[in-house]
Amino acid sequence: VLQEPGEGAEQTKLICELVEEFLEPHSVQLVLSQVLEVPLSEKLLP
């Protein structure tokens, strides 16, 4: 999802929901490290 070009609004919302409510702390850290590996965009800020 992070590497997918374009807006990907629904995909971004889904990742946000998983991060906020379902992922374990170590997986939240993994998501953060994955976001920091790609160029930052408006899509990734949420």
All heavy atoms as atom14 arrays in JSON, in Angstrom:
{
  "sequence": "VLQEPGEGAEQTKLICELVEEFLEPHSVQLVLSQVLEVPLSEKLLP",
  "atom14_mask": [
    [1, 1, 1, 1, 1, 1, 1, 0, 0, 0, 0, 0, 0, 0],
    [1, 1, 1, 1, 1, 1, 1, 1, 0, 0, 0, 0, 0, 0],
    [1, 1, 1, 1, 1, 1, 1, 1, 1, 0, 0, 0, 0, 0],
    [1, 1, 1, 1, 1, 1, 1, 1, 1, 0, 0, 0, 0, 0],
    [1, 1, 1, 1, 1, 1, 1, 0, 0, 0, 0, 0, 0, 0],
    [1, 1, 1, 1, 0, 0, 0, 0, 0, 0, 0, 0, 0, 0],
    [1, 1, 1, 1, 1, 1, 1, 1, 1, 0, 0, 0, 0, 0],
    [1, 1, 1, 1, 0, 0, 0, 0, 0, 0, 0, 0, 0, 0],
    [1, 1, 1, 1, 1, 0, 0, 0, 0, 0, 0, 0, 0, 0],
    [1, 1, 1, 1, 1, 1, 1, 1, 1, 0, 0, 0, 0, 0],
    [1, 1, 1, 1, 1, 1, 1, 1, 1, 0, 0, 0, 0, 0],
    [1, 1, 1, 1, 1, 1, 1, 0, 0, 0, 0, 0, 0, 0],
    [1, 1, 1, 1, 1, 1, 1, 1, 1, 0, 0, 0, 0, 0],
    [1, 1, 1, 1, 1, 1, 1, 1, 0, 0, 0, 0, 0, 0],
    [1, 1, 1, 1, 1, 1, 1, 1, 0, 0, 0, 0, 0, 0],
    [1, 1, 1, 1, 1, 1, 0, 0, 0, 0, 0, 0, 0, 0],
    [1, 1, 1, 1, 1, 1, 1, 1, 1, 0, 0, 0, 0, 0],
    [1, 1, 1, 1, 1, 1, 1, 1, 0, 0, 0, 0, 0, 0],
    [1, 1, 1, 1, 1, 1, 1, 0, 0, 0, 0, 0, 0, 0],
    [1, 1, 1, 1, 1, 1, 1, 1, 1, 0, 0, 0, 0, 0],
    [1, 1, 1, 1, 1, 1, 1, 1, 1, 0, 0, 0, 0, 0],
    [1, 1, 1, 1, 1, 1, 1, 1, 1, 1, 1, 0, 0, 0],
    [1, 1, 1, 1, 1, 1, 1, 1, 0, 0, 0, 0, 0, 0],
    [1, 1, 1, 1, 1, 1, 1, 1, 1, 0, 0, 0, 0, 0],
    [1, 1, 1, 1, 1, 1, 1, 0, 0, 0, 0, 0, 0, 0],
    [1, 1, 1, 1, 1, 1, 1, 1, 1, 1, 0, 0, 0, 0],
    [1, 1, 1, 1, 1, 1, 0, 0, 0, 0, 0, 0, 0, 0],
    [1, 1, 1, 1, 1, 1, 1, 0, 0, 0, 0, 0, 0, 0],
    [1, 1, 1, 1, 1, 1, 1, 1, 1, 0, 0, 0, 0, 0],
    [1, 1, 1, 1, 1, 1, 1, 1, 0, 0, 0, 0, 0, 0],
    [1, 1, 1, 1, 1, 1, 1, 0, 0, 0, 0, 0, 0, 0],
    [1, 1, 1, 1, 1, 1, 1, 1, 0, 0, 0, 0, 0, 0],
    [1, 1, 1, 1, 1, 1, 0, 0, 0, 0, 0, 0, 0, 0],
    [1, 1, 1, 1, 1, 1, 1, 1, 1, 0, 0, 0, 0, 0],
    [1, 1, 1, 1, 1, 1, 1, 0, 0, 0, 0, 0, 0, 0],
    [1, 1, 1, 1, 1, 1, 1, 1, 0, 0, 0, 0, 0, 0],
    [1, 1, 1, 1, 1, 1, 1, 1, 1, 0, 0, 0, 0, 0],
    [1, 1, 1, 1, 1, 1, 1, 0, 0, 0, 0, 0, 0, 0],
    [1, 1, 1, 1, 1, 1, 1, 0, 0, 0, 0, 0, 0, 0],
    [1, 1, 1, 1, 1, 1, 1, 1, 0, 0, 0, 0, 0, 0],
    [1, 1, 1, 1, 1, 1, 0, 0, 0, 0, 0, 0, 0, 0],
    [1, 1, 1, 1, 1, 1, 1, 1, 1, 0, 0, 0, 0, 0],
    [1, 1, 1, 1, 1, 1, 1, 1, 1, 0, 0, 0, 0, 0],
    [1, 1, 1, 1, 1, 1, 1, 1, 0, 0, 0, 0, 0, 0],
    [1, 1, 1, 1, 1, 1, 1, 1, 0, 0, 0, 0, 0, 0],
    [1, 1, 1, 1, 1, 1, 1, 0, 0, 0, 0, 0, 0, 0]
  ],
  "atom14_positions": [
    [[0.84, -1.21, 0.0], [0.0, 0.0, 0.0], [0.87, 1.25, 0.0], [0.6, 2.22, -0.72], [-0.97, 0.01, 1.21], [-1.64, 1.36, 1.37], [-2.01, -1.1, 1.06], [0.0, 0.0, 0.0], [0.0, 0.0, 0.0], [0.0, 0.0, 0.0], [0.0, 0.0, 0.0], [0.0, 0.0, 0.0], [0.0, 0.0, 0.0], [0.0, 0.0, 0.0]],
    [[1.95, 1.24, 0.79], [2.83, 2.41, 0.86], [3.5, 2.7, -0.47], [3.76, 3.85, -0.81], [3.91, 2.2, 1.94], [3.41, 2.1, 3.38], [4.57, 1.86, 4.33], [2.63, 3.33, 3.8], [0.0, 0.0, 0.0], [0.0, 0.0, 0.0], [0.0, 0.0, 0.0], [0.0, 0.0, 0.0], [0.0, 0.0, 0.0], [0.0, 0.0, 0.0]],
    [[3.8, 1.64, -1.22], [4.5, 1.82, -2.49], [3.56, 2.04, -3.66], [4.01, 2.36, -4.76], [5.41, 0.61, -2.75], [6.58, 0.58, -1.79], [7.2, -0.79, -1.66], [6.91, -1.69, -2.43], [8.07, -0.95, -0.67], [0.0, 0.0, 0.0], [0.0, 0.0, 0.0], [0.0, 0.0, 0.0], [0.0, 0.0, 0.0], [0.0, 0.0, 0.0]],
    [[2.28, 1.88, -3.43], [1.29, 2.07, -4.49], [1.22, 3.56, -4.86], [1.04, 4.4, -3.99], [-0.08, 1.58, -4.0], [-1.16, 1.56, -5.04], [-1.02, 0.43, -6.05], [-0.15, -0.45, -5.91], [-1.81, 0.44, -6.99], [0.0, 0.0, 0.0], [0.0, 0.0, 0.0], [0.0, 0.0, 0.0], [0.0, 0.0, 0.0], [0.0, 0.0, 0.0]],
    [[1.37, 3.88, -6.14], [1.28, 5.3, -6.52], [-0.15, 5.8, -6.4], [-1.09, 5.01, -6.36], [1.74, 5.31, -7.99], [1.46, 3.92, -8.48], [1.62, 3.01, -7.3], [0.0, 0.0, 0.0], [0.0, 0.0, 0.0], [0.0, 0.0, 0.0], [0.0, 0.0, 0.0], [0.0, 0.0, 0.0], [0.0, 0.0, 0.0], [0.0, 0.0, 0.0]],
    [[-0.31, 7.09, -6.34], [-1.65, 7.68, -6.29], [-2.15, 7.89, -4.88], [-1.45, 7.65, -3.91], [0.0, 0.0, 0.0], [0.0, 0.0, 0.0], [0.0, 0.0, 0.0], [0.0, 0.0, 0.0], [0.0, 0.0, 0.0], [0.0, 0.0, 0.0], [0.0, 0.0, 0.0], [0.0, 0.0, 0.0], [0.0, 0.0, 0.0], [0.0, 0.0, 0.0]],
    [[-3.39, 8.29, -4.8], [-3.98, 8.66, -3.52], [-4.19, 7.47, -2.6], [-3.77, 7.47, -1.47], [-5.3, 9.4, -3.75], [-5.13, 10.8, -4.33], [-4.23, 11.68, -3.49], [-4.52, 11.85, -2.29], [-3.23, 12.19, -4.01], [0.0, 0.0, 0.0], [0.0, 0.0, 0.0], [0.0, 0.0, 0.0], [0.0, 0.0, 0.0], [0.0, 0.0, 0.0]],
    [[-4.91, 6.46, -3.09], [-5.16, 5.28, -2.27], [-5.85, 5.61, -0.96], [-5.45, 5.13, 0.09], [0.0, 0.0, 0.0], [0.0, 0.0, 0.0], [0.0, 0.0, 0.0], [0.0, 0.0, 0.0], [0.0, 0.0, 0.0], [0.0, 0.0, 0.0], [0.0, 0.0, 0.0], [0.0, 0.0, 0.0], [0.0, 0.0, 0.0], [0.0, 0.0, 0.0]],
    [[-6.9, 6.44, -1.03], [-7.56, 6.93, 0.19], [-8.1, 5.79, 1.04], [-7.91, 5.77, 2.26], [-8.67, 7.91, -0.18], [0.0, 0.0, 0.0], [0.0, 0.0, 0.0], [0.0, 0.0, 0.0], [0.0, 0.0, 0.0], [0.0, 0.0, 0.0], [0.0, 0.0, 0.0], [0.0, 0.0, 0.0], [0.0, 0.0, 0.0], [0.0, 0.0, 0.0]],
    [[-8.78, 4.83, 0.42], [-9.38, 3.73, 1.21], [-8.31, 2.85, 1.83], [-8.45, 2.39, 2.96], [-10.33, 2.89, 0.33], [-11.6, 3.61, -0.08], [-12.4, 4.18, 1.09], [-12.38, 3.58, 2.18], [-13.06, 5.21, 0.9], [0.0, 0.0, 0.0], [0.0, 0.0, 0.0], [0.0, 0.0, 0.0], [0.0, 0.0, 0.0], [0.0, 0.0, 0.0]],
    [[-7.23, 2.62, 1.08], [-6.14, 1.81, 1.6], [-5.48, 2.5, 2.8], [-5.18, 1.86, 3.81], [-5.1, 1.54, 0.5], [-5.56, 0.63, -0.6], [-6.46, 1.29, -1.64], [-6.73, 2.48, -1.6], [-6.97, 0.49, -2.56], [0.0, 0.0, 0.0], [0.0, 0.0, 0.0], [0.0, 0.0, 0.0], [0.0, 0.0, 0.0], [0.0, 0.0, 0.0]],
    [[-5.28, 3.8, 2.68], [-4.67, 4.56, 3.78], [-5.56, 4.53, 5.01], [-5.09, 4.31, 6.13], [-4.41, 6.02, 3.34], [-3.59, 6.01, 2.17], [-3.73, 6.8, 4.44], [0.0, 0.0, 0.0], [0.0, 0.0, 0.0], [0.0, 0.0, 0.0], [0.0, 0.0, 0.0], [0.0, 0.0, 0.0], [0.0, 0.0, 0.0], [0.0, 0.0, 0.0]],
    [[-6.87, 4.71, 4.81], [-7.81, 4.65, 5.94], [-7.77, 3.28, 6.61], [-7.83, 3.18, 7.84], [-9.24, 4.94, 5.46], [-9.55, 6.39, 5.18], [-11.01, 6.52, 4.77], [-11.24, 7.8, 3.99], [-12.56, 7.82, 3.34], [0.0, 0.0, 0.0], [0.0, 0.0, 0.0], [0.0, 0.0, 0.0], [0.0, 0.0, 0.0], [0.0, 0.0, 0.0]],
    [[-7.68, 2.24, 5.8], [-7.63, 0.88, 6.34], [-6.38, 0.69, 7.2], [-6.47, 0.17, 8.32], [-7.66, -0.14, 5.19], [-7.49, -1.6, 5.61], [-8.63, -2.04, 6.52], [-7.41, -2.49, 4.38], [0.0, 0.0, 0.0], [0.0, 0.0, 0.0], [0.0, 0.0, 0.0], [0.0, 0.0, 0.0], [0.0, 0.0, 0.0], [0.0, 0.0, 0.0]],
    [[-5.24, 1.13, 6.71], [-4.0, 0.99, 7.49], [-4.11, 1.79, 8.79], [-3.72, 1.3, 9.86], [-2.77, 1.44, 6.68], [-2.52, 0.46, 5.55], [-1.54, 1.56, 7.56], [-1.36, 0.81, 4.67], [0.0, 0.0, 0.0], [0.0, 0.0, 0.0], [0.0, 0.0, 0.0], [0.0, 0.0, 0.0], [0.0, 0.0, 0.0], [0.0, 0.0, 0.0]],
    [[-4.67, 2.99, 8.7], [-4.85, 3.81, 9.92], [-5.71, 3.08, 10.94], [-5.39, 3.05, 12.13], [-5.47, 5.16, 9.57], [-4.34, 6.26, 8.68], [0.0, 0.0, 0.0], [0.0, 0.0, 0.0], [0.0, 0.0, 0.0], [0.0, 0.0, 0.0], [0.0, 0.0, 0.0], [0.0, 0.0, 0.0], [0.0, 0.0, 0.0], [0.0, 0.0, 0.0]],
    [[-6.81, 2.48, 10.46], [-7.71, 1.77, 11.38], [-7.0, 0.57, 12.02], [-7.12, 0.32, 13.22], [-8.96, 1.3, 10.63], [-10.01, 0.74, 11.56], [-11.34, 0.47, 10.88], [-11.56, 0.93, 9.73], [-12.18, -0.22, 11.49], [0.0, 0.0, 0.0], [0.0, 0.0, 0.0], [0.0, 0.0, 0.0], [0.0, 0.0, 0.0], [0.0, 0.0, 0.0]],
    [[-6.23, -0.17, 11.22], [-5.5, -1.31, 11.76], [-4.48, -0.85, 12.81], [-4.34, -1.46, 13.87], [-4.79, -2.08, 10.64], [-5.71, -2.83, 9.68], [-4.92, -3.37, 8.49], [-6.45, -3.95, 10.38], [0.0, 0.0, 0.0], [0.0, 0.0, 0.0], [0.0, 0.0, 0.0], [0.0, 0.0, 0.0], [0.0, 0.0, 0.0], [0.0, 0.0, 0.0]],
    [[-3.76, 0.25, 12.5], [-2.77, 0.78, 13.44], [-3.44, 1.23, 14.73], [-2.98, 0.93, 15.83], [-1.98, 1.95, 12.8], [-1.2, 2.73, 13.85], [-1.03, 1.43, 11.72], [0.0, 0.0, 0.0], [0.0, 0.0, 0.0], [0.0, 0.0, 0.0], [0.0, 0.0, 0.0], [0.0, 0.0, 0.0], [0.0, 0.0, 0.0], [0.0, 0.0, 0.0]],
    [[-4.54, 1.96, 14.6], [-5.2, 2.54, 15.77], [-5.83, 1.49, 16.68], [-5.84, 1.64, 17.9], [-6.29, 3.54, 15.32], [-5.72, 4.82, 14.75], [-6.76, 5.64, 13.97], [-7.91, 5.17, 13.82], [-6.41, 6.73, 13.52], [0.0, 0.0, 0.0], [0.0, 0.0, 0.0], [0.0, 0.0, 0.0], [0.0, 0.0, 0.0], [0.0, 0.0, 0.0]],
    [[-6.35, 0.41, 16.09], [-7.18, -0.49, 16.89], [-6.73, -1.94, 16.98], [-7.13, -2.64, 17.91], [-8.62, -0.47, 16.34], [-9.26, 0.91, 16.43], [-10.7, 0.91, 15.96], [-11.4, -0.09, 16.19], [-11.12, 1.91, 15.35], [0.0, 0.0, 0.0], [0.0, 0.0, 0.0], [0.0, 0.0, 0.0], [0.0, 0.0, 0.0], [0.0, 0.0, 0.0]],
    [[-5.91, -2.42, 16.04], [-5.72, -3.86, 16.0], [-4.27, -4.35, 16.08], [-4.05, -5.48, 16.49], [-6.36, -4.45, 14.72], [-7.84, -4.19, 14.65], [-8.35, -3.23, 13.79], [-8.72, -4.89, 15.45], [-9.71, -2.98, 13.72], [-10.09, -4.65, 15.4], [-10.59, -3.7, 14.53], [0.0, 0.0, 0.0], [0.0, 0.0, 0.0], [0.0, 0.0, 0.0]],
    [[-3.31, -3.55, 15.67], [-1.94, -4.05, 15.63], [-1.27, -4.01, 16.99], [-1.5, -3.09, 17.78], [-1.1, -3.24, 14.63], [-1.49, -3.39, 13.15], [-0.57, -2.54, 12.28], [-1.47, -4.83, 12.69], [0.0, 0.0, 0.0], [0.0, 0.0, 0.0], [0.0, 0.0, 0.0], [0.0, 0.0, 0.0], [0.0, 0.0, 0.0], [0.0, 0.0, 0.0]],
    [[-0.41, -4.98, 17.24], [0.4, -5.03, 18.45], [1.46, -3.92, 18.39], [1.83, -3.49, 17.29], [1.09, -6.38, 18.57], [0.15, -7.56, 18.73], [-0.59, -7.53, 20.06], [0.03, -7.18, 21.08], [-1.8, -7.83, 20.06], [0.0, 0.0, 0.0], [0.0, 0.0, 0.0], [0.0, 0.0, 0.0], [0.0, 0.0, 0.0], [0.0, 0.0, 0.0]],
    [[1.98, -3.48, 19.54], [2.99, -2.4, 19.53], [4.18, -2.66, 18.61], [4.62, -1.76, 17.88], [3.43, -2.33, 21.0], [2.22, -2.77, 21.76], [1.57, -3.82, 20.92], [0.0, 0.0, 0.0], [0.0, 0.0, 0.0], [0.0, 0.0, 0.0], [0.0, 0.0, 0.0], [0.0, 0.0, 0.0], [0.0, 0.0, 0.0], [0.0, 0.0, 0.0]],
    [[4.71, -3.9, 18.59], [5.87, -4.17, 17.72], [5.5, -4.02, 16.24], [6.32, -3.61, 15.43], [6.47, -5.55, 18.01], [5.56, -6.7, 17.67], [5.57, -7.32, 16.45], [4.61, -7.33, 18.4], [4.66, -8.28, 16.43], [4.07, -8.31, 17.61], [0.0, 0.0, 0.0], [0.0, 0.0, 0.0], [0.0, 0.0, 0.0], [0.0, 0.0, 0.0]],
    [[4.24, -4.32, 15.9], [3.8, -4.16, 14.51], [3.58, -2.69, 14.17], [3.8, -2.27, 13.03], [2.52, -4.96, 14.26], [2.78, -6.33, 14.42], [0.0, 0.0, 0.0], [0.0, 0.0, 0.0], [0.0, 0.0, 0.0], [0.0, 0.0, 0.0], [0.0, 0.0, 0.0], [0.0, 0.0, 0.0], [0.0, 0.0, 0.0], [0.0, 0.0, 0.0]],
    [[3.16, -1.91, 15.15], [3.01, -0.46, 14.94], [4.39, 0.14, 14.63], [4.54, 0.97, 13.73], [2.38, 0.23, 16.18], [2.4, 1.74, 16.04], [0.95, -0.26, 16.36], [0.0, 0.0, 0.0], [0.0, 0.0, 0.0], [0.0, 0.0, 0.0], [0.0, 0.0, 0.0], [0.0, 0.0, 0.0], [0.0, 0.0, 0.0], [0.0, 0.0, 0.0]],
    [[5.41, -0.3, 15.36], [6.78, 0.16, 15.09], [7.23, -0.25, 13.69], [7.9, 0.51, 12.99], [7.75, -0.4, 16.13], [7.55, 0.19, 17.51], [8.49, -0.41, 18.54], [9.51, -0.98, 18.2], [8.12, -0.29, 19.81], [0.0, 0.0, 0.0], [0.0, 0.0, 0.0], [0.0, 0.0, 0.0], [0.0, 0.0, 0.0], [0.0, 0.0, 0.0]],
    [[6.85, -1.47, 13.27], [7.19, -1.93, 11.92], [6.54, -1.04, 10.87], [7.19, -0.64, 9.89], [6.76, -3.38, 11.74], [6.95, -3.98, 10.34], [8.41, -3.92, 9.9], [6.44, -5.41, 10.3], [0.0, 0.0, 0.0], [0.0, 0.0, 0.0], [0.0, 0.0, 0.0], [0.0, 0.0, 0.0], [0.0, 0.0, 0.0], [0.0, 0.0, 0.0]],
    [[5.26, -0.7, 11.07], [4.57, 0.19, 10.12], [5.3, 1.54, 10.05], [5.53, 2.07, 8.96], [3.09, 0.39, 10.52], [2.44, 1.49, 9.7], [2.32, -0.91, 10.36], [0.0, 0.0, 0.0], [0.0, 0.0, 0.0], [0.0, 0.0, 0.0], [0.0, 0.0, 0.0], [0.0, 0.0, 0.0], [0.0, 0.0, 0.0], [0.0, 0.0, 0.0]],
    [[5.68, 2.08, 11.21], [6.4, 3.35, 11.23], [7.71, 3.26, 10.45], [8.01, 4.13, 9.63], [6.66, 3.79, 12.68], [7.5, 5.06, 12.86], [6.86, 6.25, 12.14], [7.69, 5.36, 14.34], [0.0, 0.0, 0.0], [0.0, 0.0, 0.0], [0.0, 0.0, 0.0], [0.0, 0.0, 0.0], [0.0, 0.0, 0.0], [0.0, 0.0, 0.0]],
    [[8.47, 2.21, 10.67], [9.74, 2.08, 9.96], [9.51, 1.92, 8.46], [10.28, 2.44, 7.65], [10.57, 0.91, 10.51], [9.93, -0.31, 10.28], [0.0, 0.0, 0.0], [0.0, 0.0, 0.0], [0.0, 0.0, 0.0], [0.0, 0.0, 0.0], [0.0, 0.0, 0.0], [0.0, 0.0, 0.0], [0.0, 0.0, 0.0], [0.0, 0.0, 0.0]],
    [[8.41, 1.25, 8.08], [8.1, 1.1, 6.65], [7.74, 2.45, 6.03], [8.13, 2.75, 4.9], [6.94, 0.11, 6.46], [7.34, -1.33, 6.7], [6.17, -2.27, 6.56], [5.19, -2.17, 7.3], [6.24, -3.19, 5.63], [0.0, 0.0, 0.0], [0.0, 0.0, 0.0], [0.0, 0.0, 0.0], [0.0, 0.0, 0.0], [0.0, 0.0, 0.0]],
    [[6.97, 3.26, 6.76], [6.6, 4.59, 6.25], [7.85, 5.44, 6.06], [7.99, 6.16, 5.07], [5.6, 5.29, 7.2], [5.41, 6.75, 6.8], [4.27, 4.57, 7.21], [0.0, 0.0, 0.0], [0.0, 0.0, 0.0], [0.0, 0.0, 0.0], [0.0, 0.0, 0.0], [0.0, 0.0, 0.0], [0.0, 0.0, 0.0], [0.0, 0.0, 0.0]],
    [[8.79, 5.33, 7.0], [10.0, 6.16, 6.93], [10.98, 5.69, 5.85], [11.92, 6.4, 5.53], [10.69, 6.2, 8.3], [9.87, 6.86, 9.41], [10.58, 6.75, 10.75], [9.54, 8.31, 9.09], [0.0, 0.0, 0.0], [0.0, 0.0, 0.0], [0.0, 0.0, 0.0], [0.0, 0.0, 0.0], [0.0, 0.0, 0.0], [0.0, 0.0, 0.0]],
    [[10.73, 4.52, 5.27], [11.6, 4.02, 4.21], [11.21, 4.55, 2.84], [11.97, 4.44, 1.89], [11.56, 2.48, 4.16], [12.31, 1.82, 5.29], [12.05, 0.31, 5.38], [11.41, -0.23, 4.44], [12.48, -0.3, 6.36], [0.0, 0.0, 0.0], [0.0, 0.0, 0.0], [0.0, 0.0, 0.0], [0.0, 0.0, 0.0], [0.0, 0.0, 0.0]],
    [[10.0, 5.1, 2.71], [9.53, 5.6, 1.41], [9.44, 7.12, 1.47], [9.36, 7.7, 2.55], [8.16, 4.99, 1.03], [8.26, 3.49, 0.87], [7.08, 5.35, 2.03], [0.0, 0.0, 0.0], [0.0, 0.0, 0.0], [0.0, 0.0, 0.0], [0.0, 0.0, 0.0], [0.0, 0.0, 0.0], [0.0, 0.0, 0.0], [0.0, 0.0, 0.0]],
    [[9.47, 7.79, 0.3], [9.34, 9.25, 0.32], [8.02, 9.67, 0.97], [6.97, 9.12, 0.65], [9.38, 9.62, -1.17], [10.04, 8.47, -1.84], [9.68, 7.26, -1.05], [0.0, 0.0, 0.0], [0.0, 0.0, 0.0], [0.0, 0.0, 0.0], [0.0, 0.0, 0.0], [0.0, 0.0, 0.0], [0.0, 0.0, 0.0], [0.0, 0.0, 0.0]],
    [[8.11, 10.63, 1.86], [6.92, 11.09, 2.58], [5.98, 11.82, 1.62], [6.42, 12.6, 0.78], [7.34, 12.02, 3.72], [6.39, 12.18, 4.89], [6.04, 10.84, 5.5], [6.99, 13.08, 5.95], [0.0, 0.0, 0.0], [0.0, 0.0, 0.0], [0.0, 0.0, 0.0], [0.0, 0.0, 0.0], [0.0, 0.0, 0.0], [0.0, 0.0, 0.0]],
    [[4.7, 11.53, 1.73], [3.7, 12.19, 0.89], [2.48, 12.51, 1.74], [2.34, 12.0, 2.85], [3.28, 11.28, -0.28], [2.6, 10.14, 0.23], [0.0, 0.0, 0.0], [0.0, 0.0, 0.0], [0.0, 0.0, 0.0], [0.0, 0.0, 0.0], [0.0, 0.0, 0.0], [0.0, 0.0, 0.0], [0.0, 0.0, 0.0], [0.0, 0.0, 0.0]],
    [[1.61, 13.34, 1.2], [0.38, 13.72, 1.91], [-0.43, 12.48, 2.27], [-1.06, 12.41, 3.33], [-0.43, 14.67, 1.02], [-1.52, 15.44, 1.73], [-1.02, 16.55, 2.66], [0.0, 17.2, 2.37], [-1.68, 16.74, 3.71], [0.0, 0.0, 0.0], [0.0, 0.0, 0.0], [0.0, 0.0, 0.0], [0.0, 0.0, 0.0], [0.0, 0.0, 0.0]],
    [[-0.4, 11.47, 1.4], [-1.14, 10.22, 1.62], [-0.67, 9.5, 2.89], [-1.46, 8.84, 3.57], [-0.95, 9.32, 0.39], [-1.32, 7.88, 0.55], [-1.04, 7.12, -0.73], [-0.5, 5.73, -0.44], [-0.28, 4.93, -1.63], [0.0, 0.0, 0.0], [0.0, 0.0, 0.0], [0.0, 0.0, 0.0], [0.0, 0.0, 0.0], [0.0, 0.0, 0.0]],
    [[0.64, 9.63, 3.23], [1.19, 8.89, 4.35], [1.08, 9.62, 5.69], [1.26, 9.01, 6.75], [2.67, 8.56, 4.09], [2.94, 7.71, 2.85], [4.42, 7.45, 2.7], [2.18, 6.4, 2.92], [0.0, 0.0, 0.0], [0.0, 0.0, 0.0], [0.0, 0.0, 0.0], [0.0, 0.0, 0.0], [0.0, 0.0, 0.0], [0.0, 0.0, 0.0]],
    [[0.78, 10.91, 5.66], [0.7, 11.68, 6.91], [-0.34, 11.12, 7.89], [-0.07, 11.02, 9.09], [0.45, 13.16, 6.61], [1.57, 13.89, 5.83], [1.19, 15.35, 5.62], [2.91, 13.77, 6.53], [0.0, 0.0, 0.0], [0.0, 0.0, 0.0], [0.0, 0.0, 0.0], [0.0, 0.0, 0.0], [0.0, 0.0, 0.0], [0.0, 0.0, 0.0]],
    [[-1.55, 10.72, 7.4], [-2.51, 10.14, 8.36], [-2.01, 8.85, 9.02], [-2.35, 8.56, 10.16], [-3.75, 9.86, 7.49], [-3.62, 10.76, 6.32], [-2.15, 10.91, 6.08], [0.0, 0.0, 0.0], [0.0, 0.0, 0.0], [0.0, 0.0, 0.0], [0.0, 0.0, 0.0], [0.0, 0.0, 0.0], [0.0, 0.0, 0.0], [0.0, 0.0, 0.0]]
  ]
}
